[in-house]
Amino acid sequence: MPELPEVETTVRGLAAVLQDVRLTSVVARRADLRRAFPVDLGQRMTGARIISLGRRAKYGLIETDRGDSMIFHLGMSGRWRIDPEDIGTHDHLVMHTDSGHVLSLFDPRRFGSVDLVETAAIASFPSFAAMGPEPLGDDFTPAYLLERLKGRASPIKAMLLDQRIVAGLGNIYVCEALNMARISPLRAAGQIGPAKLKPLVTAIKSVLVDAIAAGGSTLRDYARPDGQLGYFAKQWRVYGREGEACPCGGTVKRTVQSGRSTFWCPSCQK
């Protein structure tokens, strides 16, 4: 599933062709993805000018001059295509712009979603209402994390994946950050003190910034809107590297936590 860096990369790619342009046509080519397309999507978006693009957690945001924002989630295999050579079966939403570009939301498995909400009410969108701070934002600090993890017996990895604690973190980058900070993913979150939380916050921010700079990770069908693949996977320290050497010289192990693979190094992560 595309994680925060992949969505950020996608949004930046879309901004290159959507910022300050007008949509001349917006057509949903089927009734639904993971859930139904808004019935008035075409009516409200056609003729609107795009005034900003952004991201919240793993969701992309496309704001129009009509006071609406389209919220999209890429699901397991979704991606935007810019000026595709043809429109196929899996291009479920197609938009044309007055600058001559065509954009399609391509989603073979249809686990993605598209919503349309009033921009002024976006904070109360159900998926956003209880979210924690953005991990790259100023509000995500060691002090904040210490307060939220106080007394928690759940493993630190599970807490970092909880969107109510911090928004947008996913399995890949949590594994990477915990390795960078030398913290065991199995350790009870409430037992981690300030001395460990400071490098953890630094590691989380660092791994996300590096992944965004690399264009995200290539994971199954993920690609940027321009069709290029992300290359951060080549920089993974532990993720997907069971049995290989950790940067510390130890051996990467794989453990299953809550049905998800955890990659870590018992030699350096305590």
Protein backbone atom coordinates (compact mmCIF):
# COMPACT_ATOMS: atom_id res chain seq x y z
CA MET A 1 0.00 0.00 0.00
CA PRO A 2 1.37 3.45 -0.86
CA GLU A 3 2.49 5.16 2.34
CA LEU A 4 3.01 8.82 3.23
CA PRO A 5 6.11 9.40 1.01
CA GLU A 6 4.37 7.83 -2.00
CA VAL A 7 1.29 9.99 -1.50
CA GLU A 8 3.41 13.12 -1.02
CA THR A 9 5.32 12.31 -4.20
CA THR A 10 2.04 11.75 -6.03
CA VAL A 11 0.63 15.08 -4.87
CA ARG A 12 3.77 16.93 -5.98
CA GLY A 13 3.55 15.25 -9.37
CA LEU A 14 -0.10 16.22 -9.75
CA ALA A 15 0.63 19.81 -8.70
CA ALA A 16 2.93 20.20 -11.69
CA VAL A 17 -0.03 19.88 -14.06
CA LEU A 18 -3.06 20.77 -11.91
CA GLN A 19 -2.08 23.88 -9.95
CA ASP A 20 -4.08 26.92 -11.16
CA VAL A 21 -5.69 25.10 -14.09
CA ARG A 22 -9.38 24.59 -14.78
CA LEU A 23 -11.00 21.19 -15.14
CA THR A 24 -12.98 20.95 -18.36
CA SER A 25 -14.26 17.42 -17.75
CA VAL A 26 -14.43 15.08 -14.75
CA VAL A 27 -15.93 11.65 -15.42
CA ALA A 28 -16.24 8.64 -13.11
CA ARG A 29 -16.24 5.59 -15.40
CA ARG A 30 -17.82 3.28 -12.83
CA ALA A 31 -20.03 3.76 -9.79
CA ASP A 32 -17.51 2.93 -7.09
CA LEU A 33 -14.05 1.97 -5.91
CA ARG A 34 -13.83 0.81 -2.30
CA ARG A 35 -16.98 2.86 -1.85
CA ALA A 36 -19.18 4.85 -4.21
CA PHE A 37 -17.92 7.91 -6.04
CA PRO A 38 -19.83 11.07 -4.96
CA VAL A 39 -22.87 11.24 -7.22
CA ASP A 40 -22.30 14.95 -7.92
CA LEU A 41 -18.52 14.68 -8.41
CA GLY A 42 -18.60 15.56 -12.11
CA GLN A 43 -21.03 18.43 -11.64
CA ARG A 44 -19.09 20.05 -8.80
CA MET A 45 -15.59 19.54 -10.25
CA THR A 46 -16.16 20.26 -13.95
CA GLY A 47 -15.39 23.91 -14.62
CA ALA A 48 -13.65 24.39 -11.25
CA ARG A 49 -10.14 25.80 -10.96
CA ILE A 50 -7.60 23.97 -8.82
CA ILE A 51 -6.19 26.40 -6.25
CA SER A 52 -4.09 24.06 -4.12
CA LEU A 53 -2.96 20.47 -3.66
CA GLY A 54 -1.89 18.88 -0.42
CA ARG A 55 -1.79 15.79 1.73
CA ARG A 56 -3.21 14.63 5.05
CA ALA A 57 -1.68 11.38 6.31
CA LYS A 58 -2.01 8.95 3.37
CA TYR A 59 -4.73 10.97 1.62
CA GLY A 60 -4.24 13.43 -1.23
CA LEU A 61 -6.19 16.70 -1.30
CA ILE A 62 -7.20 18.67 -4.40
CA GLU A 63 -8.87 22.00 -3.53
CA THR A 64 -11.00 23.99 -5.97
CA ASP A 65 -12.14 27.59 -6.17
CA ARG A 66 -15.71 26.46 -5.48
CA GLY A 67 -14.99 25.71 -1.83
CA ASP A 68 -14.71 21.97 -2.43
CA SER A 69 -11.85 19.55 -1.90
CA MET A 70 -11.46 16.16 -3.51
CA ILE A 71 -9.93 13.65 -1.09
CA PHE A 72 -8.34 10.59 -2.64
CA HIS A 73 -6.79 7.46 -1.21
CA LEU A 74 -4.73 5.17 -3.42
CA GLY A 75 -5.68 1.96 -1.63
CA MET A 76 -3.48 -1.03 -2.44
CA SER A 77 -2.67 -0.46 -6.10
CA GLY A 78 -4.00 2.94 -7.10
CA ARG A 79 -2.00 5.63 -8.86
CA TRP A 80 -2.64 8.71 -10.96
CA ARG A 81 -1.52 8.69 -14.58
CA ILE A 82 -0.74 11.90 -16.44
CA ASP A 83 -1.45 11.95 -20.18
CA PRO A 84 -1.75 8.16 -20.54
CA GLU A 85 -1.43 6.77 -24.05
CA ASP A 86 -4.88 5.25 -23.74
CA ILE A 87 -7.71 4.96 -21.22
CA GLY A 88 -8.22 1.36 -20.15
CA THR A 89 -10.49 -0.76 -18.01
CA HIS A 90 -8.77 0.19 -14.77
CA ASP A 91 -8.81 3.97 -15.34
CA HIS A 92 -11.85 4.67 -13.18
CA LEU A 93 -11.78 8.47 -12.94
CA VAL A 94 -10.68 10.67 -15.85
CA MET A 95 -10.12 14.44 -15.72
CA HIS A 96 -9.31 16.86 -18.56
CA THR A 97 -7.79 20.31 -17.99
CA ASP A 98 -7.92 23.55 -19.96
CA SER A 99 -4.14 23.27 -20.36
CA GLY A 100 -4.59 20.13 -22.44
CA HIS A 101 -3.64 17.46 -19.90
CA VAL A 102 -5.53 14.25 -19.18
CA LEU A 103 -5.32 12.62 -15.76
CA SER A 104 -6.67 9.22 -14.83
CA LEU A 105 -6.98 7.44 -11.51
CA PHE A 106 -5.81 3.90 -12.27
CA ASP A 107 -6.77 1.29 -9.66
CA PRO A 108 -6.86 -2.38 -10.73
CA ARG A 109 -7.87 -3.71 -7.30
CA ARG A 110 -10.31 -0.87 -6.56
CA PHE A 111 -9.31 -0.48 -2.90
CA GLY A 112 -8.88 3.28 -3.29
CA SER A 113 -11.48 5.96 -2.63
CA VAL A 114 -12.54 9.41 -3.79
CA ASP A 115 -14.59 11.80 -1.66
CA LEU A 116 -15.68 15.38 -2.17
CA VAL A 117 -16.19 17.63 0.86
CA GLU A 118 -16.51 21.31 1.62
CA THR A 119 -12.99 22.62 2.23
CA ALA A 120 -14.09 24.54 5.31
CA ALA A 121 -15.27 21.28 6.90
CA ILE A 122 -12.31 19.12 5.90
CA ALA A 123 -11.02 18.74 9.47
CA SER A 124 -14.26 16.94 10.40
CA PHE A 125 -14.02 14.46 7.52
CA PRO A 126 -14.51 11.10 9.32
CA SER A 127 -11.07 9.75 8.47
CA PHE A 128 -9.38 12.98 9.69
CA ALA A 129 -11.38 13.83 12.81
CA ALA A 130 -9.37 11.77 15.30
CA MET A 131 -5.99 11.83 13.55
CA GLY A 132 -2.83 12.77 15.36
CA PRO A 133 -0.29 15.31 14.09
CA GLU A 134 1.63 14.96 10.85
CA PRO A 135 5.01 13.30 11.49
CA LEU A 136 6.81 15.98 9.47
CA GLY A 137 5.01 18.81 11.26
CA ASP A 138 6.19 20.94 14.17
CA ASP A 139 3.61 19.40 16.52
CA PHE A 140 5.21 15.97 16.35
CA THR A 141 7.89 16.24 19.04
CA PRO A 142 9.54 13.94 21.61
CA ALA A 143 7.52 15.67 24.34
CA TYR A 144 4.26 15.04 22.49
CA LEU A 145 5.15 11.39 21.92
CA LEU A 146 6.17 10.91 25.55
CA GLU A 147 2.79 12.20 26.71
CA ARG A 148 0.79 10.04 24.27
CA LEU A 149 2.72 6.87 25.07
CA LYS A 150 2.67 7.29 28.83
CA GLY A 151 1.52 4.08 30.53
CA ARG A 152 0.92 2.23 27.25
CA ALA A 153 1.76 -1.47 27.32
CA SER A 154 1.28 -2.03 23.59
CA PRO A 155 4.41 -2.45 21.46
CA ILE A 156 5.95 0.77 20.18
CA LYS A 157 5.46 -0.32 16.58
CA ALA A 158 1.71 -0.70 17.09
CA MET A 159 1.51 2.73 18.70
CA LEU A 160 3.34 4.39 15.81
CA LEU A 161 0.94 2.77 13.34
CA ASP A 162 -2.05 4.11 15.31
CA GLN A 163 -3.30 7.08 13.28
CA ARG A 164 -4.63 8.66 16.47
CA ILE A 165 -1.07 8.93 17.76
CA VAL A 166 0.59 10.15 14.57
CA ALA A 167 -0.96 10.49 11.12
CA GLY A 168 0.28 8.70 8.05
CA LEU A 169 2.97 6.35 9.28
CA GLY A 170 2.92 2.89 7.71
CA ASN A 171 4.64 -0.44 8.14
CA ILE A 172 7.69 0.16 5.96
CA TYR A 173 8.82 3.45 7.42
CA VAL A 174 8.07 2.52 11.03
CA CYS A 175 10.33 -0.53 10.66
CA GLU A 176 13.04 1.67 9.15
CA ALA A 177 12.77 4.41 11.78
CA LEU A 178 12.83 1.99 14.71
CA ASN A 179 15.99 0.45 13.31
CA MET A 180 17.60 3.87 12.88
CA ALA A 181 16.71 4.74 16.47
CA ARG A 182 17.83 1.31 17.75
CA ILE A 183 14.51 0.57 19.44
CA SER A 184 12.96 -2.89 19.46
CA PRO A 185 9.53 -2.94 17.78
CA LEU A 186 8.43 -5.34 20.52
CA ARG A 187 9.21 -2.98 23.39
CA ALA A 188 6.29 -1.62 25.43
CA ALA A 189 5.69 1.94 24.29
CA GLY A 190 5.24 3.32 27.79
CA GLN A 191 8.66 2.05 28.83
CA ILE A 192 10.54 4.20 26.32
CA GLY A 193 11.89 7.35 27.88
CA PRO A 194 12.90 10.76 26.52
CA ALA A 195 16.47 9.66 25.78
CA LYS A 196 15.13 7.17 23.23
CA LEU A 197 12.14 9.16 21.98
CA LYS A 198 14.25 12.08 20.79
CA PRO A 199 16.27 9.98 18.30
CA LEU A 200 13.08 8.14 17.34
CA VAL A 201 11.31 11.34 16.31
CA THR A 202 14.45 12.42 14.44
CA ALA A 203 14.61 9.04 12.68
CA ILE A 204 10.94 9.16 11.67
CA LYS A 205 11.33 12.59 10.12
CA SER A 206 14.62 11.64 8.46
CA VAL A 207 13.39 8.43 6.85
CA LEU A 208 10.28 10.15 5.49
CA VAL A 209 12.24 13.09 4.06
CA ASP A 210 14.73 10.72 2.42
CA ALA A 211 11.96 8.57 0.98
CA ILE A 212 10.15 11.60 -0.47
CA ALA A 213 13.41 12.82 -2.01
CA ALA A 214 13.86 9.40 -3.62
CA GLY A 215 10.34 9.46 -5.03
CA GLY A 216 8.88 6.92 -2.62
CA SER A 217 9.33 3.16 -2.68
CA THR A 218 8.62 0.69 -5.44
CA LEU A 219 6.13 -1.72 -3.91
CA ARG A 220 4.07 -3.85 -6.28
CA ASP A 221 2.23 -1.48 -8.59
CA TYR A 222 3.28 1.85 -7.10
CA ALA A 223 4.57 4.49 -9.51
CA ARG A 224 4.63 8.27 -9.57
CA PRO A 225 2.12 10.08 -11.80
CA ASP A 226 4.80 10.53 -14.47
CA GLY A 227 5.17 6.77 -14.61
CA GLN A 228 8.59 6.61 -12.96
CA LEU A 229 9.13 4.25 -10.08
CA GLY A 230 10.30 5.29 -6.63
CA TYR A 231 13.75 4.15 -5.60
CA PHE A 232 13.82 4.35 -1.81
CA ALA A 233 13.44 0.55 -1.67
CA LYS A 234 17.09 0.34 -2.65
CA GLN A 235 17.91 2.22 0.57
CA TRP A 236 15.91 0.05 2.98
CA ARG A 237 17.93 -0.80 6.08
CA VAL A 238 15.81 -3.73 7.31
CA TYR A 239 12.44 -3.85 5.57
CA GLY A 240 12.11 -6.94 3.38
CA ARG A 241 15.69 -7.97 4.22
CA GLU A 242 15.17 -10.99 6.46
CA GLY A 243 18.41 -12.91 6.88
CA GLU A 244 20.55 -10.10 5.48
CA ALA A 245 22.99 -7.90 7.35
CA CYS A 246 21.75 -4.92 9.36
CA PRO A 247 23.90 -1.78 9.09
CA CYS A 248 25.16 -2.60 12.59
CA GLY A 249 26.47 -5.96 11.41
CA GLY A 250 23.73 -8.05 12.99
CA THR A 251 21.19 -10.15 11.11
CA VAL A 252 17.75 -8.84 10.16
CA LYS A 253 14.88 -10.91 11.54
CA ARG A 254 11.21 -11.02 10.57
CA THR A 255 8.46 -11.12 13.20
CA VAL A 256 4.69 -10.95 12.72
CA GLN A 257 2.86 -8.33 14.80
CA SER A 258 -0.90 -7.91 14.47
CA GLY A 259 -0.80 -9.71 11.14
CA ARG A 260 1.95 -7.50 9.69
CA SER A 261 5.57 -8.36 9.00
CA THR A 262 8.06 -6.57 11.23
CA PHE A 263 11.68 -6.46 10.11
CA TRP A 264 14.24 -5.63 12.77
CA CYS A 265 17.66 -6.43 14.18
CA PRO A 266 17.78 -7.96 17.66
CA SER A 267 21.49 -7.11 17.87
CA CYS A 268 21.07 -3.36 17.93
CA GLN A 269 17.36 -2.78 18.61
CA LYS A 270 16.70 -3.06 22.34
